[in-house]
Amino acid sequence: QVQLVESGGGLVQPGGSLRLSCAASGSTANINVMGWYRQAPGKERELVATITTGGNAHYAESAKGRFTVSRDNAKNTVFLQMNILKPEDTAVYFCYALKWVGAIDYWGQGTQVTVSS
């Protein structure tokens, strides 16, 4: 099993920044992809950004140009730097990890991000 623990959420004003972190523990060998999804009230969970072990990043259109995903493979940690935050970015942000072998995915408990003045 893999445990994912997020940190860094909170309340920020529009235009502000936040940095989310997620640390993986447990059976972390062969985690190929890590990243972030989010779920706003009344909406489905959606992709924000993912990154492979090799550093290939993929972003949702809404995140391009404002968010940056990065990863420390040695520490099994993934980060999400969020800039120029908007009220529509308000959501619970979930950390995600995927092992290609067996197509096994793992989820964190989520961290709340609220963008409001």
C-alpha atoms as a PDB file:
ATOM      1  CA  GLN A   1       0.000   0.000   0.000  1.00  0.00           C
ATOM      2  CA  VAL A   2       0.954   3.609  -0.549  1.00  0.00           C
ATOM      3  CA  GLN A   3      -0.054   6.399   1.794  1.00  0.00           C
ATOM      4  CA  LEU A   4      -0.259   9.954   0.479  1.00  0.00           C
ATOM      5  CA  VAL A   5      -0.331  12.930   2.832  1.00  0.00           C
ATOM      6  CA  GLU A   6      -1.010  16.414   1.498  1.00  0.00           C
ATOM      7  CA  SER A   7      -0.154  19.723   3.098  1.00  0.00           C
ATOM      8  CA  GLY A   8      -0.147  23.391   2.190  1.00  0.00           C
ATOM      9  CA  GLY A   9      -3.792  24.190   1.576  1.00  0.00           C
ATOM     10  CA  GLY A  10      -5.533  27.200   3.032  1.00  0.00           C
ATOM     11  CA  LEU A  11      -7.254  30.495   2.384  1.00  0.00           C
ATOM     12  CA  VAL A  12      -5.720  32.930  -0.078  1.00  0.00           C
ATOM     13  CA  GLN A  13      -6.904  36.089  -1.796  1.00  0.00           C
ATOM     14  CA  PRO A  14      -7.449  36.207  -5.551  1.00  0.00           C
ATOM     15  CA  GLY A  15      -4.145  36.709  -7.310  1.00  0.00           C
ATOM     16  CA  GLY A  16      -2.226  35.066  -4.510  1.00  0.00           C
ATOM     17  CA  SER A  17      -0.117  31.913  -4.414  1.00  0.00           C
ATOM     18  CA  LEU A  18      -0.038  28.617  -2.570  1.00  0.00           C
ATOM     19  CA  ARG A  19       2.291  25.644  -2.658  1.00  0.00           C
ATOM     20  CA  LEU A  20       0.916  22.183  -2.034  1.00  0.00           C
ATOM     21  CA  SER A  21       3.073  19.243  -1.034  1.00  0.00           C
ATOM     22  CA  CYS A  22       2.347  15.543  -0.976  1.00  0.00           C
ATOM     23  CA  ALA A  23       4.585  12.900   0.554  1.00  0.00           C
ATOM     24  CA  ALA A  24       4.226   9.242  -0.319  1.00  0.00           C
ATOM     25  CA  SER A  25       5.131   6.469   2.100  1.00  0.00           C
ATOM     26  CA  GLY A  26       4.771   2.719   2.278  1.00  0.00           C
ATOM     27  CA  SER A  27       5.320   0.655  -0.857  1.00  0.00           C
ATOM     28  CA  THR A  28       6.606   3.558  -2.927  1.00  0.00           C
ATOM     29  CA  ALA A  29       8.704   1.501  -5.322  1.00  0.00           C
ATOM     30  CA  ASN A  30       7.594   1.741  -8.943  1.00  0.00           C
ATOM     31  CA  ILE A  31       5.363   4.767  -8.563  1.00  0.00           C
ATOM     32  CA  ASN A  32       5.415   6.097 -12.116  1.00  0.00           C
ATOM     33  CA  VAL A  33       3.099   9.082 -11.988  1.00  0.00           C
ATOM     34  CA  MET A  34       2.280  11.528  -9.234  1.00  0.00           C
ATOM     35  CA  GLY A  35       0.109  14.574  -9.371  1.00  0.00           C
ATOM     36  CA  TRP A  36      -2.969  16.466  -8.362  1.00  0.00           C
ATOM     37  CA  TYR A  37      -6.678  16.401  -8.939  1.00  0.00           C
ATOM     38  CA  ARG A  38      -9.310  18.696  -7.479  1.00  0.00           C
ATOM     39  CA  GLN A  39     -12.993  18.617  -6.694  1.00  0.00           C
ATOM     40  CA  ALA A  40     -15.134  21.688  -6.241  1.00  0.00           C
ATOM     41  CA  PRO A  41     -18.519  21.542  -4.482  1.00  0.00           C
ATOM     42  CA  GLY A  42     -21.131  19.981  -6.723  1.00  0.00           C
ATOM     43  CA  LYS A  43     -18.607  19.098  -9.403  1.00  0.00           C
ATOM     44  CA  GLU A  44     -16.730  15.996 -10.443  1.00  0.00           C
ATOM     45  CA  ARG A  45     -13.114  15.413  -9.580  1.00  0.00           C
ATOM     46  CA  GLU A  46     -10.865  16.763 -12.326  1.00  0.00           C
ATOM     47  CA  LEU A  47      -7.233  16.595 -13.306  1.00  0.00           C
ATOM     48  CA  VAL A  48      -4.986  19.510 -12.393  1.00  0.00           C
ATOM     49  CA  ALA A  49      -1.498  18.278 -13.221  1.00  0.00           C
ATOM     50  CA  THR A  50       0.585  15.116 -13.249  1.00  0.00           C
ATOM     51  CA  ILE A  51       4.267  14.362 -13.601  1.00  0.00           C
ATOM     52  CA  THR A  52       6.151  11.177 -14.391  1.00  0.00           C
ATOM     53  CA  THR A  53       9.295   9.888 -12.753  1.00  0.00           C
ATOM     54  CA  GLY A  54      11.165  11.203 -15.764  1.00  0.00           C
ATOM     55  CA  GLY A  55       9.773  14.693 -15.314  1.00  0.00           C
ATOM     56  CA  ASN A  56       7.192  14.767 -18.071  1.00  0.00           C
ATOM     57  CA  ALA A  57       4.394  17.035 -16.869  1.00  0.00           C
ATOM     58  CA  HIS A  58       0.824  17.281 -18.051  1.00  0.00           C
ATOM     59  CA  TYR A  59      -1.554  20.100 -17.167  1.00  0.00           C
ATOM     60  CA  ALA A  60      -5.240  20.789 -17.422  1.00  0.00           C
ATOM     61  CA  GLU A  61      -5.988  23.804 -19.584  1.00  0.00           C
ATOM     62  CA  SER A  62      -7.144  25.708 -16.522  1.00  0.00           C
ATOM     63  CA  ALA A  63      -3.740  25.191 -14.877  1.00  0.00           C
ATOM     64  CA  LYS A  64      -1.439  26.011 -17.788  1.00  0.00           C
ATOM     65  CA  GLY A  65       0.606  29.150 -17.243  1.00  0.00           C
ATOM     66  CA  ARG A  66      -0.362  29.480 -13.587  1.00  0.00           C
ATOM     67  CA  PHE A  67       0.448  26.173 -11.900  1.00  0.00           C
ATOM     68  CA  THR A  68       3.687  24.215 -11.858  1.00  0.00           C
ATOM     69  CA  VAL A  69       3.969  20.587 -10.810  1.00  0.00           C
ATOM     70  CA  SER A  70       7.323  19.229  -9.668  1.00  0.00           C
ATOM     71  CA  ARG A  71       8.624  16.138  -8.021  1.00  0.00           C
ATOM     72  CA  ASP A  72      11.439  14.949  -5.773  1.00  0.00           C
ATOM     73  CA  ASN A  73      11.822  11.288  -6.671  1.00  0.00           C
ATOM     74  CA  ALA A  74      14.341  10.619  -3.908  1.00  0.00           C
ATOM     75  CA  LYS A  75      11.833  11.811  -1.310  1.00  0.00           C
ATOM     76  CA  ASN A  76       8.718  10.475  -3.064  1.00  0.00           C
ATOM     77  CA  THR A  77       7.209  13.926  -2.876  1.00  0.00           C
ATOM     78  CA  VAL A  78       5.210  15.928  -5.389  1.00  0.00           C
ATOM     79  CA  PHE A  79       4.541  19.656  -5.273  1.00  0.00           C
ATOM     80  CA  LEU A  80       2.062  21.995  -6.876  1.00  0.00           C
ATOM     81  CA  GLN A  81       2.984  25.667  -7.053  1.00  0.00           C
ATOM     82  CA  MET A  82      -0.173  27.651  -7.724  1.00  0.00           C
ATOM     83  CA  ASN A  83       0.088  31.286  -8.773  1.00  0.00           C
ATOM     84  CA  ILE A  84      -2.452  33.913  -9.809  1.00  0.00           C
ATOM     85  CA  LEU A  85      -5.149  31.995  -7.991  1.00  0.00           C
ATOM     86  CA  LYS A  86      -8.773  32.625  -8.901  1.00  0.00           C
ATOM     87  CA  PRO A  87     -12.001  32.016  -6.967  1.00  0.00           C
ATOM     88  CA  GLU A  88     -12.784  29.179  -9.397  1.00  0.00           C
ATOM     89  CA  ASP A  89      -9.676  27.374  -8.155  1.00  0.00           C
ATOM     90  CA  THR A  90     -11.455  26.825  -4.857  1.00  0.00           C
ATOM     91  CA  ALA A  91     -11.672  23.084  -4.303  1.00  0.00           C
ATOM     92  CA  VAL A  92     -10.360  20.143  -2.346  1.00  0.00           C
ATOM     93  CA  TYR A  93      -7.051  19.167  -3.907  1.00  0.00           C
ATOM     94  CA  PHE A  94      -6.166  15.484  -3.889  1.00  0.00           C
ATOM     95  CA  CYS A  95      -2.739  13.985  -4.305  1.00  0.00           C
ATOM     96  CA  TYR A  96      -2.550  11.091  -6.745  1.00  0.00           C
ATOM     97  CA  ALA A  97      -0.045   8.342  -7.447  1.00  0.00           C
ATOM     98  CA  LEU A  98      -0.085   5.656 -10.102  1.00  0.00           C
ATOM     99  CA  LYS A  99       1.861   2.472 -10.635  1.00  0.00           C
ATOM    100  CA  TRP A 100       1.722   1.429 -14.262  1.00  0.00           C
ATOM    101  CA  VAL A 101       2.317  -2.198 -13.382  1.00  0.00           C
ATOM    102  CA  GLY A 102      -1.097  -3.416 -12.398  1.00  0.00           C
ATOM    103  CA  ALA A 103      -2.596   0.043 -13.057  1.00  0.00           C
ATOM    104  CA  ILE A 104      -2.890   0.703  -9.329  1.00  0.00           C
ATOM    105  CA  ASP A 105      -3.748   4.212  -8.225  1.00  0.00           C
ATOM    106  CA  TYR A 106      -3.648   5.810  -4.798  1.00  0.00           C
ATOM    107  CA  TRP A 107      -5.268   8.922  -3.381  1.00  0.00           C
ATOM    108  CA  GLY A 108      -4.616  11.258  -0.510  1.00  0.00           C
ATOM    109  CA  GLN A 109      -7.283  12.549   1.840  1.00  0.00           C
ATOM    110  CA  GLY A 110      -7.333  15.968   0.224  1.00  0.00           C
ATOM    111  CA  THR A 111      -6.484  19.494   1.298  1.00  0.00           C
ATOM    112  CA  GLN A 112      -8.836  22.448   1.036  1.00  0.00           C
ATOM    113  CA  VAL A 113      -7.848  25.444  -1.072  1.00  0.00           C
ATOM    114  CA  THR A 114     -10.107  28.471  -0.812  1.00  0.00           C
ATOM    115  CA  VAL A 115      -9.571  31.553  -2.953  1.00  0.00           C
ATOM    116  CA  SER A 116     -11.628  34.436  -1.646  1.00  0.00           C
ATOM    117  CA  SER A 117     -11.337  38.071  -0.703  1.00  0.00           C
END
